[in-house]
Amino acid sequence: MQGFVAAVREAGVAAPADRVRLLVEALDQLGPQELYWAGRLTLCASRDDIAKYDRLFEGPRPSHDQVKHRVSVVTAAVQGLEAAPDEVLRTRDYAKLTEDERQEARRMLAMLAPIAPERPSRRRRRASYGPVDARRTTREILAALGEPARLRRARKRTRPRRVVFILDISGSMSPYADLLLRFAHAAVRQRPAMTEVFTVATRLTRVTAAMRKRDMDAALEKMVPDWRSGTRLGDALTVYLRRFGHRGMARGSIVVICSDGWECGDAAQLGEAMAWLARLAGRIIWVTPHAAKAGFAPATAGLRAALPHISELVAGHSVSAMAEVLRR
């Protein structure tokens, strides 16, 4: 089985661990004679995957009726299987995981691949279609002494957009602090030059340098002095804006604030800081672990003060929820 999965991956099919586990369960019910169909229906996620997968199997292809019958039989068996343990773990509340389950969840977080956001640039690049590049076209007409010239085209370029994470590691957020830090670590490792990370409790601490290291734990212990203390989001955001944000770090950036909104300081100050941040940032995403709970409402003073200035309020209680944040 290991050799088969390795061959599938070498062929270009991703075959992640949860799909491999589902394949093993399918074969346990169907038997090894159905390896081709069990693998095709569990390991392949697209038409391209099927084409790559089929190249591993030589010999005559079955008839249409045989294909239809095999697909119906194997699909019914696969759909009858219980959800793979990885998938269940991915959606469970991080605060309720055992230590062994957290180790597996950390492995999943390390493999998260954020989508790189972009922003339009003022500069343009040559293109075969799009708006007419009047300046370049005119230059060519002048160079040809007024003779008609081919219309030249140009399109706007795009630039990578910075992402700034502000992570609440106060006492009320301690069950989720490990999830947030490892989530940010995965993002920094993917885009080290365009990602910044700050922690917030009673003060603001820039931890981007620690996040760029493979083992962040030892570095964070020395850098962050206010673990599990109170929360002064208003003070921390004001410091961020004065020291970093207003000088360019927040301009046009996607700012991801991970907090439950419990504010020990002045909620009005937090509201003012959020209004200032909203004028600079491209988007503000507020992530709270409680948003997925039934009957959730933004009732904390800090969250109420911030709500008018945020672009999205989303859940952040599990590996799956954090993966969705990276896609926004």
Protein backbone atom coordinates (compact mmCIF):
# COMPACT_ATOMS: atom_id res chain seq x y z
CA MET A 1 0.00 0.00 0.00
CA GLN A 2 2.82 2.41 0.81
CA GLY A 3 4.45 1.68 -2.54
CA PHE A 4 1.15 2.21 -4.37
CA VAL A 5 0.46 5.54 -2.67
CA ALA A 6 4.04 6.67 -3.36
CA ALA A 7 3.57 5.83 -7.05
CA VAL A 8 0.29 7.77 -7.16
CA ARG A 9 1.99 10.80 -5.63
CA GLU A 10 4.91 10.54 -8.06
CA ALA A 11 2.34 10.59 -10.87
CA GLY A 12 1.22 14.01 -9.68
CA VAL A 13 -1.85 13.17 -7.56
CA ALA A 14 -1.60 14.85 -4.13
CA ALA A 15 -3.18 11.93 -2.19
CA PRO A 16 -3.22 13.59 1.27
CA ALA A 17 -3.25 11.49 4.44
CA ASP A 18 -7.01 11.71 5.01
CA ARG A 19 -7.73 10.38 1.49
CA VAL A 20 -5.19 7.57 1.92
CA ARG A 21 -6.89 6.54 5.15
CA LEU A 22 -10.22 6.50 3.35
CA LEU A 23 -8.68 4.31 0.62
CA VAL A 24 -7.48 1.79 3.24
CA GLU A 25 -10.95 1.64 4.78
CA ALA A 26 -12.54 1.17 1.34
CA LEU A 27 -10.19 -1.70 0.47
CA ASP A 28 -10.89 -3.31 3.84
CA GLN A 29 -14.54 -3.58 2.79
CA LEU A 30 -14.12 -4.21 -0.94
CA GLY A 31 -10.97 -6.32 -1.11
CA PRO A 32 -7.72 -5.77 -3.04
CA GLN A 33 -9.34 -6.73 -6.38
CA GLU A 34 -11.04 -3.30 -6.38
CA LEU A 35 -7.79 -1.35 -5.88
CA TYR A 36 -8.14 0.60 -9.13
CA TRP A 37 -11.67 1.85 -8.46
CA ALA A 38 -11.22 2.39 -4.73
CA GLY A 39 -8.10 4.46 -5.41
CA ARG A 40 -9.71 6.40 -8.22
CA LEU A 41 -12.73 7.40 -6.12
CA THR A 42 -10.84 8.20 -2.92
CA LEU A 43 -7.47 9.61 -4.05
CA CYS A 44 -8.49 11.64 -7.11
CA ALA A 45 -9.95 15.10 -6.49
CA SER A 46 -10.26 16.36 -10.10
CA ARG A 47 -10.34 15.32 -13.76
CA ASP A 48 -6.61 16.04 -13.99
CA ASP A 49 -6.00 13.68 -11.06
CA ILE A 50 -7.97 10.92 -12.81
CA ALA A 51 -5.89 11.32 -16.00
CA LYS A 52 -2.64 11.11 -14.00
CA TYR A 53 -3.96 8.18 -11.96
CA ASP A 54 -5.00 6.22 -15.07
CA ARG A 55 -1.47 6.40 -16.48
CA LEU A 56 -0.34 4.08 -13.67
CA PHE A 57 -2.59 1.29 -14.96
CA GLU A 58 -1.82 -0.44 -18.24
CA GLY A 59 -3.89 -2.91 -20.21
CA PRO A 60 -7.36 -2.74 -21.76
CA ARG A 61 -9.92 -0.41 -20.21
CA PRO A 62 -13.23 -1.98 -19.11
CA SER A 63 -16.44 -1.44 -21.08
CA HIS A 64 -18.87 1.37 -20.32
CA ASP A 65 -21.29 -0.95 -18.53
CA GLN A 66 -18.47 -2.41 -16.42
CA VAL A 67 -17.31 1.07 -15.50
CA LYS A 68 -20.83 2.17 -14.56
CA HIS A 69 -21.35 -0.91 -12.37
CA ARG A 70 -17.96 -0.64 -10.63
CA VAL A 71 -18.40 3.08 -9.95
CA SER A 72 -21.85 2.55 -8.41
CA VAL A 73 -20.65 -0.32 -6.19
CA VAL A 74 -17.48 1.39 -4.96
CA THR A 75 -19.11 4.81 -4.56
CA ALA A 76 -21.83 3.31 -2.35
CA ALA A 77 -19.19 1.60 -0.21
CA VAL A 78 -17.04 4.73 0.07
CA GLN A 79 -20.01 6.92 0.99
CA GLY A 80 -20.93 4.42 3.68
CA LEU A 81 -17.62 4.78 5.46
CA GLU A 82 -17.36 6.93 8.56
CA ALA A 83 -15.58 10.25 8.22
CA ALA A 84 -11.81 9.87 8.26
CA PRO A 85 -10.27 10.66 11.67
CA ASP A 86 -8.18 13.47 10.16
CA GLU A 87 -11.31 15.16 8.87
CA VAL A 88 -13.05 14.87 12.25
CA LEU A 89 -9.99 16.27 14.01
CA ARG A 90 -9.79 19.13 11.52
CA THR A 91 -13.24 20.41 12.51
CA ARG A 92 -13.12 19.83 16.29
CA ASP A 93 -12.79 22.71 18.75
CA TYR A 94 -9.08 23.10 19.48
CA ALA A 95 -9.69 23.79 23.17
CA LYS A 96 -11.22 20.31 23.57
CA LEU A 97 -8.41 18.30 21.96
CA THR A 98 -6.20 15.94 23.94
CA GLU A 99 -2.42 16.45 23.82
CA ASP A 100 -2.01 13.65 21.26
CA GLU A 101 -4.73 15.17 19.11
CA ARG A 102 -3.07 18.57 19.38
CA GLN A 103 0.16 17.12 18.06
CA GLU A 104 -1.69 15.87 14.99
CA ALA A 105 -3.52 19.21 14.62
CA ARG A 106 -0.17 21.03 14.74
CA ARG A 107 1.02 18.89 11.85
CA MET A 108 -2.08 19.93 9.88
CA LEU A 109 -1.52 23.59 10.71
CA ALA A 110 2.10 23.38 9.54
CA MET A 111 0.88 22.23 6.11
CA LEU A 112 -1.57 25.09 5.59
CA ALA A 113 -0.81 26.99 2.39
CA PRO A 114 -2.31 30.50 2.39
CA ILE A 115 -3.43 32.10 -0.85
CA ALA A 116 -1.19 35.08 -1.61
CA PRO A 117 -3.40 38.20 -1.78
CA GLU A 118 -2.56 40.86 -4.35
CA ARG A 119 -3.30 44.53 -4.87
CA PRO A 120 -3.36 46.59 -8.10
CA SER A 121 -0.22 48.54 -8.92
CA ARG A 122 0.00 51.96 -10.53
CA ARG A 123 2.51 50.58 -13.01
CA ARG A 124 1.41 48.81 -16.16
CA ARG A 125 2.95 46.05 -18.22
CA ARG A 126 2.86 45.27 -21.92
CA ALA A 127 0.07 42.98 -23.03
CA SER A 128 -1.46 41.54 -26.19
CA TYR A 129 -4.93 42.73 -25.15
CA GLY A 130 -6.46 45.31 -22.85
CA PRO A 131 -6.59 49.13 -22.88
CA VAL A 132 -4.55 50.98 -25.47
CA ASP A 133 -1.15 52.19 -24.25
CA ALA A 134 -1.47 55.72 -25.70
CA ARG A 135 2.05 56.84 -24.78
CA ARG A 136 3.80 53.85 -26.33
CA THR A 137 1.58 53.91 -29.43
CA THR A 138 2.26 57.64 -29.96
CA ARG A 139 6.01 57.10 -29.65
CA GLU A 140 5.89 54.47 -32.37
CA ILE A 141 3.85 56.75 -34.67
CA LEU A 142 6.38 59.57 -34.17
CA ALA A 143 9.25 57.17 -34.81
CA ALA A 144 7.56 56.20 -38.09
CA LEU A 145 7.26 59.91 -39.07
CA GLY A 146 3.52 59.97 -38.66
CA GLU A 147 2.75 56.73 -40.46
CA PRO A 148 0.01 54.58 -38.90
CA ALA A 149 1.34 52.15 -36.33
CA ARG A 150 -0.01 49.13 -34.55
CA LEU A 151 -1.96 49.93 -31.40
CA ARG A 152 0.03 48.91 -28.34
CA ARG A 153 -1.76 47.52 -25.28
CA ALA A 154 -0.97 47.55 -21.57
CA ARG A 155 -2.54 46.18 -18.42
CA LYS A 156 -2.09 47.13 -14.80
CA ARG A 157 0.35 45.09 -12.77
CA THR A 158 -0.43 43.55 -9.41
CA ARG A 159 1.68 43.63 -6.26
CA PRO A 160 1.65 41.22 -3.31
CA ARG A 161 -0.49 42.46 -0.45
CA ARG A 162 0.92 42.39 3.07
CA VAL A 163 -0.88 40.37 5.76
CA VAL A 164 -0.62 41.47 9.41
CA PHE A 165 -1.68 39.11 12.21
CA ILE A 166 -2.51 40.55 15.65
CA LEU A 167 -2.98 37.64 18.05
CA ASP A 168 -4.62 37.92 21.46
CA ILE A 169 -2.72 35.65 23.91
CA SER A 170 -4.41 36.89 27.09
CA GLY A 171 -5.93 34.63 29.76
CA SER A 172 -9.35 34.39 28.11
CA MET A 173 -7.75 33.30 24.83
CA SER A 174 -5.23 30.86 26.34
CA PRO A 175 -7.11 27.69 25.17
CA TYR A 176 -6.62 28.89 21.57
CA ALA A 177 -3.23 30.66 21.81
CA ASP A 178 -1.33 27.63 20.52
CA LEU A 179 -3.71 27.30 17.54
CA LEU A 180 -3.32 30.98 16.62
CA LEU A 181 0.46 31.04 16.94
CA ARG A 182 0.97 27.92 14.83
CA PHE A 183 -1.52 29.22 12.28
CA ALA A 184 0.51 32.43 11.98
CA HIS A 185 3.74 30.44 11.88
CA ALA A 186 2.50 28.53 8.82
CA ALA A 187 1.56 31.80 7.10
CA VAL A 188 4.96 33.41 7.79
CA ARG A 189 6.85 30.35 6.59
CA GLN A 190 4.95 30.53 3.28
CA ARG A 191 5.34 34.31 2.74
CA PRO A 192 8.14 35.55 5.05
CA ALA A 193 8.65 38.91 3.34
CA MET A 194 4.95 39.89 3.25
CA THR A 195 3.66 38.65 6.61
CA GLU A 196 3.93 40.32 10.02
CA VAL A 197 2.85 38.90 13.39
CA PHE A 198 2.19 40.69 16.69
CA THR A 199 0.97 39.32 20.01
CA VAL A 200 -1.31 41.28 22.30
CA ALA A 201 -2.17 40.98 25.98
CA THR A 202 -1.20 43.87 28.26
CA ARG A 203 1.27 45.07 25.62
CA LEU A 204 2.10 44.74 21.94
CA THR A 205 5.01 42.47 20.95
CA ARG A 206 6.33 42.00 17.42
CA VAL A 207 7.17 38.30 17.00
CA THR A 208 7.75 38.08 13.23
CA ALA A 209 11.43 37.16 13.70
CA ALA A 210 10.51 34.18 15.90
CA MET A 211 7.87 33.06 13.41
CA ARG A 212 10.45 32.86 10.63
CA LYS A 213 12.33 30.15 12.50
CA ARG A 214 11.48 26.48 12.15
CA ASP A 215 11.20 26.05 15.94
CA MET A 216 9.32 29.07 17.19
CA ASP A 217 8.58 27.89 20.75
CA ALA A 218 11.95 28.67 22.36
CA ALA A 219 12.14 32.08 20.70
CA LEU A 220 8.61 33.04 21.74
CA GLU A 221 9.19 32.20 25.39
CA LYS A 222 11.95 34.83 25.51
CA MET A 223 10.11 37.45 23.43
CA VAL A 224 6.60 37.42 24.92
CA PRO A 225 6.49 38.50 28.59
CA ASP A 226 2.70 38.81 29.05
CA TRP A 227 1.28 35.34 28.36
CA ARG A 228 -2.20 34.72 29.87
CA SER A 229 -2.49 38.21 31.35
CA GLY A 230 -5.24 40.78 30.84
CA THR A 231 -6.17 42.33 27.49
CA ARG A 232 -5.61 45.97 26.54
CA LEU A 233 -6.47 45.88 22.86
CA GLY A 234 -7.06 49.62 22.57
CA ASP A 235 -3.61 50.48 23.95
CA ALA A 236 -1.92 47.79 21.86
CA LEU A 237 -3.56 48.82 18.58
CA THR A 238 -2.73 52.47 19.22
CA VAL A 239 0.93 51.52 19.77
CA TYR A 240 0.88 49.42 16.59
CA LEU A 241 -0.53 52.28 14.52
CA ARG A 242 1.94 54.84 15.85
CA ARG A 243 5.05 52.66 15.58
CA PHE A 244 4.33 50.51 12.55
CA GLY A 245 0.95 50.94 10.89
CA HIS A 246 0.95 54.62 10.02
CA ARG A 247 4.47 54.35 8.58
CA GLY A 248 3.31 51.91 5.93
CA MET A 249 2.86 48.44 7.43
CA ALA A 250 -0.93 48.78 7.58
CA ARG A 251 -1.47 50.70 4.34
CA GLY A 252 -3.45 48.51 1.97
CA SER A 253 -2.72 45.42 4.10
CA ILE A 254 -5.07 42.67 5.19
CA VAL A 255 -5.11 42.88 8.99
CA VAL A 256 -6.25 39.73 10.81
CA ILE A 257 -7.13 40.33 14.47
CA CYS A 258 -7.64 37.12 16.48
CA SER A 259 -9.39 37.90 19.77
CA ASP A 260 -12.55 37.25 21.76
CA GLY A 261 -12.93 40.99 22.35
CA TRP A 262 -12.58 41.00 26.14
CA GLU A 263 -11.16 44.47 26.82
CA CYS A 264 -9.67 45.41 30.20
CA GLY A 265 -9.01 48.96 29.03
CA ASP A 266 -11.24 51.65 27.54
CA ALA A 267 -13.52 50.25 24.82
CA ALA A 268 -13.91 53.74 23.36
CA GLN A 269 -10.14 53.90 22.79
CA LEU A 270 -10.34 50.56 20.98
CA GLY A 271 -13.11 51.95 18.77
CA GLU A 272 -10.98 54.98 17.89
CA ALA A 273 -7.96 52.79 17.11
CA MET A 274 -10.09 50.52 14.90
CA ALA A 275 -11.46 53.53 13.02
CA TRP A 276 -7.88 54.73 12.41
CA LEU A 277 -6.83 51.24 11.28
CA ALA A 278 -9.83 50.98 8.93
CA ARG A 279 -8.73 54.15 7.15
CA LEU A 280 -5.31 52.60 6.44
CA ALA A 281 -5.90 48.89 5.90
CA GLY A 282 -7.27 47.23 2.79
CA ARG A 283 -9.42 44.87 4.87
CA ILE A 284 -9.80 43.96 8.54
CA ILE A 285 -10.80 40.39 9.42
CA TRP A 286 -11.71 39.74 13.05
CA VAL A 287 -11.37 36.09 14.10
CA THR A 288 -13.00 34.89 17.32
CA PRO A 289 -13.18 31.27 18.56
CA HIS A 290 -16.74 31.83 19.78
CA ALA A 291 -18.33 32.76 16.44
CA ALA A 292 -19.04 29.09 15.61
CA LYS A 293 -21.02 28.50 18.81
CA ALA A 294 -24.82 28.39 18.71
CA GLY A 295 -26.42 31.67 19.71
CA PHE A 296 -23.19 33.66 19.35
CA ALA A 297 -23.55 37.44 19.40
CA PRO A 298 -20.80 40.09 19.58
CA ALA A 299 -21.63 41.00 23.18
CA THR A 300 -18.21 41.89 24.64
CA ALA A 301 -17.45 45.59 24.93
CA GLY A 302 -14.33 45.35 22.80
CA LEU A 303 -16.04 43.49 19.98
CA ARG A 304 -18.99 45.89 19.96
CA ALA A 305 -16.60 48.83 19.69
CA ALA A 306 -14.67 47.19 16.84
CA LEU A 307 -17.62 45.83 14.88
CA PRO A 308 -18.44 48.98 12.82
CA HIS A 309 -14.88 49.05 11.45
CA ILE A 310 -14.23 45.43 10.48
CA SER A 311 -14.76 43.84 7.05
CA GLU A 312 -15.60 40.32 8.28
CA LEU A 313 -16.26 38.58 11.58
CA VAL A 314 -15.38 34.87 11.30
CA ALA A 315 -14.88 31.78 13.45
CA GLY A 316 -11.42 30.63 14.55
CA HIS A 317 -11.88 27.62 16.81
CA SER A 318 -10.46 24.74 14.73
CA VAL A 319 -7.90 23.83 12.09
CA SER A 320 -10.61 23.89 9.43
CA ALA A 321 -11.83 27.32 10.49
CA MET A 322 -8.30 28.76 10.39
CA ALA A 323 -7.76 27.26 6.93
CA GLU A 324 -10.85 29.18 5.77
CA VAL A 325 -9.36 32.39 7.18
CA LEU A 326 -6.30 31.92 4.95
CA ARG A 327 -8.51 31.71 1.88
CA ARG A 328 -10.27 35.03 2.49
